[in-house]
Amino acid sequence: PETTAPHPQPETHPPRRKRRRPGMSNYLARQRSEAFADSYLELAPQRKNGLLGKDGAVKEPDRAYFMAAQADVIEALDKAGRI
């Protein structure tokens, strides 16, 4: 006989509702991005369009891509004396 185990779908609405409410747990609303604006203007360590190939096609990232991207950011921040 066939058996199926029910697998509930992950509910995405509670986190969305939480982000729309004021409170200590709402990091997006509490973050003072203007405090970091000058830093971002001076140094933008993330690669722009890193997932686009030279021909404009979207590349599927793998683990190595993300590791290299993070290593590049760390190196840029270190050279700039930020870390």
Protein backbone atom coordinates (compact mmCIF):
# COMPACT_ATOMS: atom_id res chain seq x y z
CA PRO A 1 0.00 0.00 0.00
CA GLU A 2 1.09 3.55 -0.70
CA THR A 3 1.80 5.84 2.20
CA THR A 4 2.42 9.52 2.09
CA ALA A 5 3.73 11.64 4.88
CA PRO A 6 2.37 15.15 4.88
CA HIS A 7 5.02 17.80 4.55
CA PRO A 8 3.82 21.28 5.45
CA GLN A 9 4.82 24.12 3.18
CA PRO A 10 7.06 26.67 4.87
CA GLU A 11 5.03 29.68 5.85
CA THR A 12 6.51 32.90 4.51
CA HIS A 13 3.87 35.28 5.80
CA PRO A 14 4.90 35.55 9.49
CA PRO A 15 8.37 36.99 8.69
CA ARG A 16 6.79 39.42 6.25
CA ARG A 17 4.23 40.50 8.82
CA LYS A 18 6.98 40.87 11.40
CA ARG A 19 8.97 43.19 9.12
CA ARG A 20 5.94 45.46 8.81
CA ARG A 21 5.65 46.02 12.58
CA PRO A 22 7.76 48.38 14.65
CA GLY A 23 9.76 46.78 17.43
CA MET A 24 13.20 45.69 18.57
CA SER A 25 13.14 42.59 16.38
CA ASN A 26 12.63 44.58 13.17
CA TYR A 27 16.27 45.03 12.18
CA LEU A 28 15.47 46.39 8.73
CA ALA A 29 13.46 49.28 10.15
CA ARG A 30 15.91 49.92 13.00
CA GLN A 31 19.03 49.97 10.83
CA ARG A 32 20.29 53.50 10.32
CA SER A 33 21.61 53.15 6.80
CA GLU A 34 22.46 56.86 6.60
CA ALA A 35 25.12 56.23 9.24
CA PHE A 36 26.97 54.05 6.73
CA ALA A 37 26.25 56.09 3.59
CA ASP A 38 29.71 57.70 3.47
CA SER A 39 31.41 54.35 3.87
CA TYR A 40 29.43 52.88 1.00
CA LEU A 41 30.21 55.88 -1.23
CA GLU A 42 33.93 55.58 -0.56
CA LEU A 43 34.18 51.84 -0.91
CA ALA A 44 31.83 49.48 -2.69
CA PRO A 45 33.55 46.11 -2.16
CA GLN A 46 30.81 43.94 -3.69
CA ARG A 47 31.19 43.18 -7.38
CA LYS A 48 28.49 44.75 -9.51
CA ASN A 49 26.67 42.34 -11.79
CA GLY A 50 28.83 39.47 -10.57
CA LEU A 51 26.37 36.91 -11.90
CA LEU A 52 26.39 38.27 -15.44
CA GLY A 53 28.75 36.81 -17.98
CA LYS A 54 30.59 38.95 -20.53
CA ASP A 55 27.85 38.16 -23.02
CA GLY A 56 25.18 39.40 -20.57
CA ALA A 57 23.84 35.93 -19.82
CA VAL A 58 23.05 35.14 -16.20
CA LYS A 59 25.51 32.68 -14.64
CA GLU A 60 24.36 30.15 -12.08
CA PRO A 61 26.51 30.69 -8.99
CA ASP A 62 28.16 27.85 -7.18
CA ARG A 63 29.79 27.67 -3.78
CA ALA A 64 33.16 28.72 -5.19
CA TYR A 65 31.63 31.93 -6.59
CA PHE A 66 30.36 32.99 -3.16
CA MET A 67 33.62 32.05 -1.45
CA ALA A 68 35.59 34.10 -4.00
CA ALA A 69 33.18 37.05 -3.68
CA GLN A 70 33.56 37.08 0.11
CA ALA A 71 37.34 36.75 -0.15
CA ASP A 72 37.41 39.74 -2.54
CA VAL A 73 35.32 41.83 -0.13
CA ILE A 74 37.55 40.92 2.81
CA GLU A 75 40.66 41.81 0.81
CA ALA A 76 39.18 45.16 -0.32
CA LEU A 77 38.10 46.04 3.23
CA ASP A 78 41.54 45.06 4.57
CA LYS A 79 43.37 47.16 1.97
CA ALA A 80 41.13 50.12 2.80
CA GLY A 81 41.88 49.70 6.52
CA ARG A 82 38.26 48.98 7.39
CA ILE A 83 38.96 45.67 9.07
